[in-house]
């Protein structure tokens, strides 16, 4: 069983990284988003701090909307601290999720940041938690347009290496549990492999690009960036340092 991101991470999760990717049996439906669609911006869990830059799958407007499959429909999005002016240490202030609600309801989510593991194809490292799991709720209303939900992250969430933003859609509430009422996720067209993964209720870690549609729009704000200075040394200084 492939684990989902959550508070209960145990030694059994070690096997998750080495298991093969498996195709989901879920029926996937996609809805195109008309050009020029206006995206609304909403904050979740209190005020959010705008970042000096963003990392992940960023887009002003989604190209299509895709179905969610709670309970425990979990997405993993690759983020790089070096995308922000070659940060050696990046402080993450908020996580963003592009969604559209078709009726008023709330959906509980869990947010975690995991380290990335691998060489040619990075994957989430389930035993190396960089920012602990916390739970929140996204409240949405009926809208003809998608919304960029910005979720404030707990203080002290920092990364100094490639990582994965993990978003677990824990469950759907009764008010939006019918298929036609389920919120949808915003998707950006174009799909490089090894950057976005999904795991539906422990059924298998899968690269979303195998579906050939695009990547879910999920990213983080980097609010503070510590740079590693490039020190210039003269040959005389280097001889002294290494003498």
Protein backbone atom coordinates (compact mmCIF):
# COMPACT_ATOMS: atom_id res chain seq x y z
CA UNK A 1 0.00 0.00 0.00
CA UNK A 2 1.38 3.38 -1.00
CA UNK A 3 1.02 5.84 1.87
CA UNK A 4 -0.66 9.19 1.65
CA UNK A 5 0.84 12.25 3.26
CA UNK A 6 -0.43 12.76 6.77
CA UNK A 7 0.58 12.90 10.38
CA UNK A 8 1.04 9.16 10.82
CA UNK A 9 4.27 8.55 8.94
CA UNK A 10 5.94 5.32 10.07
CA UNK A 11 8.89 3.17 9.09
CA UNK A 12 6.57 1.17 6.85
CA UNK A 13 6.57 4.12 4.45
CA UNK A 14 10.13 3.38 3.37
CA UNK A 15 8.82 0.91 0.82
CA UNK A 16 6.71 3.58 -0.84
CA UNK A 17 9.55 5.15 -2.79
CA UNK A 18 10.64 1.92 -4.42
CA UNK A 19 7.25 0.61 -5.50
CA UNK A 20 6.39 0.90 -9.21
CA UNK A 21 3.94 3.50 -10.39
CA UNK A 22 0.47 2.12 -11.00
CA UNK A 23 -2.39 3.37 -13.17
CA UNK A 24 -5.49 4.56 -11.39
CA UNK A 25 -8.74 2.86 -12.24
CA UNK A 26 -10.68 6.07 -11.57
CA UNK A 27 -12.62 7.46 -14.50
CA UNK A 28 -11.17 10.87 -15.30
CA UNK A 29 -13.20 13.68 -16.79
CA UNK A 30 -11.89 17.05 -17.87
CA UNK A 31 -13.60 20.34 -18.60
CA UNK A 32 -11.90 23.02 -20.71
CA UNK A 33 -11.62 26.52 -19.28
CA UNK A 34 -12.51 29.31 -21.74
CA UNK A 35 -9.74 31.79 -22.59
CA UNK A 36 -9.95 35.00 -20.60
CA UNK A 37 -11.54 33.34 -17.58
CA UNK A 38 -11.11 35.43 -14.43
CA UNK A 39 -9.45 33.69 -11.49
CA UNK A 40 -10.44 34.76 -7.99
CA UNK A 41 -7.99 34.79 -5.07
CA UNK A 42 -8.98 33.62 -1.60
CA UNK A 43 -7.02 33.16 1.63
CA UNK A 44 -7.43 30.09 3.86
CA UNK A 45 -6.49 29.96 7.54
CA UNK A 46 -5.83 33.65 8.06
CA UNK A 47 -3.84 36.30 6.18
CA UNK A 48 -1.17 35.07 3.80
CA UNK A 49 2.16 36.69 2.97
CA UNK A 50 2.98 37.26 -0.67
CA UNK A 51 6.22 35.59 -1.63
CA UNK A 52 9.23 37.10 -3.30
CA UNK A 53 8.77 34.30 -5.81
CA UNK A 54 6.83 31.08 -6.37
CA UNK A 55 7.86 27.49 -6.96
CA UNK A 56 5.83 24.58 -8.27
CA UNK A 57 3.17 24.48 -10.97
CA UNK A 58 2.22 28.16 -11.33
CA UNK A 59 -0.40 29.51 -13.73
CA UNK A 60 -2.61 32.56 -13.85
CA UNK A 61 -5.50 30.62 -15.38
CA UNK A 62 -6.06 26.86 -15.67
CA UNK A 63 -6.43 25.31 -19.10
CA UNK A 64 -8.78 22.56 -17.93
CA UNK A 65 -10.55 21.42 -14.75
CA UNK A 66 -10.20 17.84 -13.53
CA UNK A 67 -12.08 15.69 -11.05
CA UNK A 68 -10.97 15.00 -7.50
CA UNK A 69 -11.33 11.54 -5.97
CA UNK A 70 -11.60 11.81 -2.18
CA UNK A 71 -11.26 10.27 0.31
CA UNK A 72 -7.49 10.69 0.45
CA UNK A 73 -6.81 11.89 -3.07
CA UNK A 74 -3.24 13.13 -2.61
CA UNK A 75 -1.11 15.23 -4.96
CA UNK A 76 2.65 15.81 -4.81
CA UNK A 77 4.20 18.80 -6.61
CA UNK A 78 7.95 19.30 -7.01
CA UNK A 79 9.32 22.59 -5.64
CA UNK A 80 12.87 23.98 -5.94
CA UNK A 81 14.40 26.53 -3.56
CA UNK A 82 16.88 27.45 -6.31
CA UNK A 83 14.01 28.75 -8.47
CA UNK A 84 14.12 31.83 -6.26
CA UNK A 85 17.43 33.63 -6.91
CA UNK A 86 19.49 30.52 -6.11
CA UNK A 87 18.21 30.24 -2.53
CA UNK A 88 20.21 28.02 -0.22
CA UNK A 89 17.43 28.27 2.40
CA UNK A 90 13.86 29.19 1.46
CA UNK A 91 11.08 30.05 3.90
CA UNK A 92 7.67 28.93 2.61
CA UNK A 93 4.81 31.19 3.64
CA UNK A 94 1.78 29.78 1.83
CA UNK A 95 0.62 26.94 -0.40
CA UNK A 96 -1.65 27.58 -3.38
CA UNK A 97 -4.27 25.28 -4.88
CA UNK A 98 -6.36 26.17 -7.96
CA UNK A 99 -9.91 24.85 -7.61
CA UNK A 100 -13.47 25.46 -8.73
CA UNK A 101 -16.54 24.82 -6.58
CA UNK A 102 -19.92 24.04 -8.13
CA UNK A 103 -21.89 24.42 -4.91
CA UNK A 104 -21.23 25.81 -1.48
CA UNK A 105 -19.33 23.31 0.62
CA UNK A 106 -16.13 22.70 2.58
CA UNK A 107 -13.41 20.18 1.86
CA UNK A 108 -10.79 19.17 4.45
CA UNK A 109 -7.18 19.00 3.32
CA UNK A 110 -3.83 18.07 4.85
CA UNK A 111 -0.66 19.88 3.80
CA UNK A 112 2.86 18.46 4.18
CA UNK A 113 6.25 19.23 2.63
CA UNK A 114 8.40 16.17 1.95
CA UNK A 115 11.99 15.93 0.74
CA UNK A 116 12.62 14.75 -2.80
CA UNK A 117 14.64 11.61 -3.47
CA UNK A 118 16.18 10.23 -6.65
CA UNK A 119 18.51 11.34 -9.41
CA UNK A 120 17.08 11.36 -12.92
CA UNK A 121 13.44 11.20 -11.74
CA UNK A 122 12.69 12.75 -8.36
CA UNK A 123 9.94 11.28 -6.17
CA UNK A 124 8.58 12.13 -2.70
CA UNK A 125 10.62 10.78 0.19
CA UNK A 126 7.91 9.70 2.62
CA UNK A 127 10.27 9.25 5.56
CA UNK A 128 11.92 12.68 5.28
CA UNK A 129 9.37 15.27 6.39
CA UNK A 130 10.56 18.86 5.98
CA UNK A 131 7.40 20.62 7.20
CA UNK A 132 5.00 18.61 9.38
CA UNK A 133 1.46 17.84 8.33
CA UNK A 134 -1.23 20.30 9.30
CA UNK A 135 -4.94 20.18 8.58
CA UNK A 136 -7.20 22.94 7.31
CA UNK A 137 -10.47 23.34 5.45
CA UNK A 138 -11.10 25.00 2.09
CA UNK A 139 -14.50 26.69 1.98
CA UNK A 140 -15.90 27.34 -1.45
CA UNK A 141 -19.07 28.75 -2.90
CA UNK A 142 -20.86 28.40 -6.20
CA UNK A 143 -18.80 30.12 -8.89
CA UNK A 144 -18.54 30.06 -12.65
CA UNK A 145 -14.83 30.83 -12.33
CA UNK A 146 -11.95 29.02 -10.60
CA UNK A 147 -10.21 30.33 -7.49
CA UNK A 148 -6.59 30.36 -6.38
CA UNK A 149 -6.78 29.36 -2.70
CA UNK A 150 -3.75 30.53 -0.70
CA UNK A 151 -3.26 28.50 2.50
CA UNK A 152 -1.07 30.08 5.18
CA UNK A 153 1.72 27.70 6.21
CA UNK A 154 2.89 27.39 9.83
CA UNK A 155 5.92 29.50 10.69
CA UNK A 156 9.29 27.84 10.39
CA UNK A 157 8.52 25.89 7.20
CA UNK A 158 11.86 26.01 5.39
CA UNK A 159 13.57 23.98 2.68
CA UNK A 160 17.19 23.86 1.57
CA UNK A 161 16.76 21.15 -1.08
CA UNK A 162 14.32 19.96 -3.71
CA UNK A 163 11.05 18.99 -2.09
CA UNK A 164 7.43 18.05 -2.76
CA UNK A 165 4.38 19.99 -1.68
CA UNK A 166 1.90 17.33 -0.58
CA UNK A 167 -1.84 18.11 -0.63
CA UNK A 168 -4.24 15.44 0.60
CA UNK A 169 -7.94 15.94 -0.10
CA UNK A 170 -9.02 13.98 2.95
CA UNK A 171 -12.75 13.67 2.32
CA UNK A 172 -15.75 15.25 0.68
CA UNK A 173 -18.54 16.60 2.87
CA UNK A 174 -22.15 15.55 2.41
CA UNK A 175 -23.06 18.83 0.72
CA UNK A 176 -20.71 18.17 -2.20
CA UNK A 177 -20.31 14.39 -2.20
CA UNK A 178 -22.30 13.76 -5.40
CA UNK A 179 -20.16 13.49 -8.52
CA UNK A 180 -21.76 16.55 -10.11
CA UNK A 181 -21.15 18.61 -6.98
CA UNK A 182 -17.52 17.70 -6.32
CA UNK A 183 -15.02 20.56 -6.50
CA UNK A 184 -12.55 20.33 -9.38
CA UNK A 185 -8.82 20.95 -9.56
CA UNK A 186 -7.29 23.47 -11.98
CA UNK A 187 -4.81 21.98 -14.44
CA UNK A 188 -2.10 23.64 -16.54
CA UNK A 189 -1.52 22.17 -19.99
CA UNK A 190 1.86 20.61 -20.72
CA UNK A 191 3.31 17.87 -18.62
CA UNK A 192 7.00 17.20 -17.92
CA UNK A 193 7.42 13.86 -16.19
CA UNK A 194 8.67 13.40 -12.61
CA UNK A 195 7.23 16.68 -11.31
CA UNK A 196 3.64 15.93 -10.29
CA UNK A 197 2.30 12.73 -8.74
CA UNK A 198 -1.02 11.46 -7.41
CA UNK A 199 -2.02 8.73 -4.98
CA UNK A 200 -5.70 7.86 -4.61
CA UNK A 201 -6.44 6.34 -1.20
CA UNK A 202 -3.24 4.32 -1.06
CA UNK A 203 -3.76 2.76 -4.49
CA UNK A 204 -0.36 3.66 -5.96
CA UNK A 205 1.96 6.58 -6.60
CA UNK A 206 1.51 7.65 -10.21
CA UNK A 207 2.99 10.32 -12.44
CA UNK A 208 0.04 12.50 -13.53
CA UNK A 209 1.63 12.92 -16.96
CA UNK A 210 0.63 9.37 -17.86
CA UNK A 211 -2.87 10.77 -18.38
CA UNK A 212 -1.51 13.22 -20.99
CA UNK A 213 -3.57 16.24 -19.88
CA UNK A 214 -1.42 18.44 -17.67
CA UNK A 215 -0.30 19.23 -14.13
CA UNK A 216 -2.50 20.33 -11.21
CA UNK A 217 -1.84 23.98 -10.35
CA UNK A 218 -0.23 23.82 -6.91
CA UNK A 219 2.70 25.92 -5.76
CA UNK A 220 4.25 27.68 -2.78
CA UNK A 221 5.15 31.27 -1.99
CA UNK A 222 8.75 31.72 -0.93
CA UNK A 223 8.63 34.63 1.50
CA UNK A 224 12.29 34.76 2.46
CA UNK A 225 15.37 33.57 0.67
CA UNK A 226 18.86 33.12 2.12
CA UNK A 227 21.51 33.33 -0.57
CA UNK A 228 24.84 31.55 -0.51
CA UNK A 229 27.35 34.26 -1.45
CA UNK A 230 29.91 33.51 -4.11
CA UNK A 231 33.19 34.46 -2.44
CA UNK A 232 35.93 35.83 -4.62
CA UNK A 233 39.43 34.82 -3.57
CA UNK A 234 42.77 35.85 -4.94
CA UNK A 235 45.35 33.18 -5.69
CA UNK A 236 47.38 34.52 -2.78
CA UNK A 237 44.44 34.12 -0.42
CA UNK A 238 43.74 30.60 -1.70
CA UNK A 239 47.36 29.63 -1.11
CA UNK A 240 47.07 30.88 2.48
CA UNK A 241 43.77 29.00 3.03
CA UNK A 242 45.07 25.69 1.76
CA UNK A 243 48.67 25.94 2.91
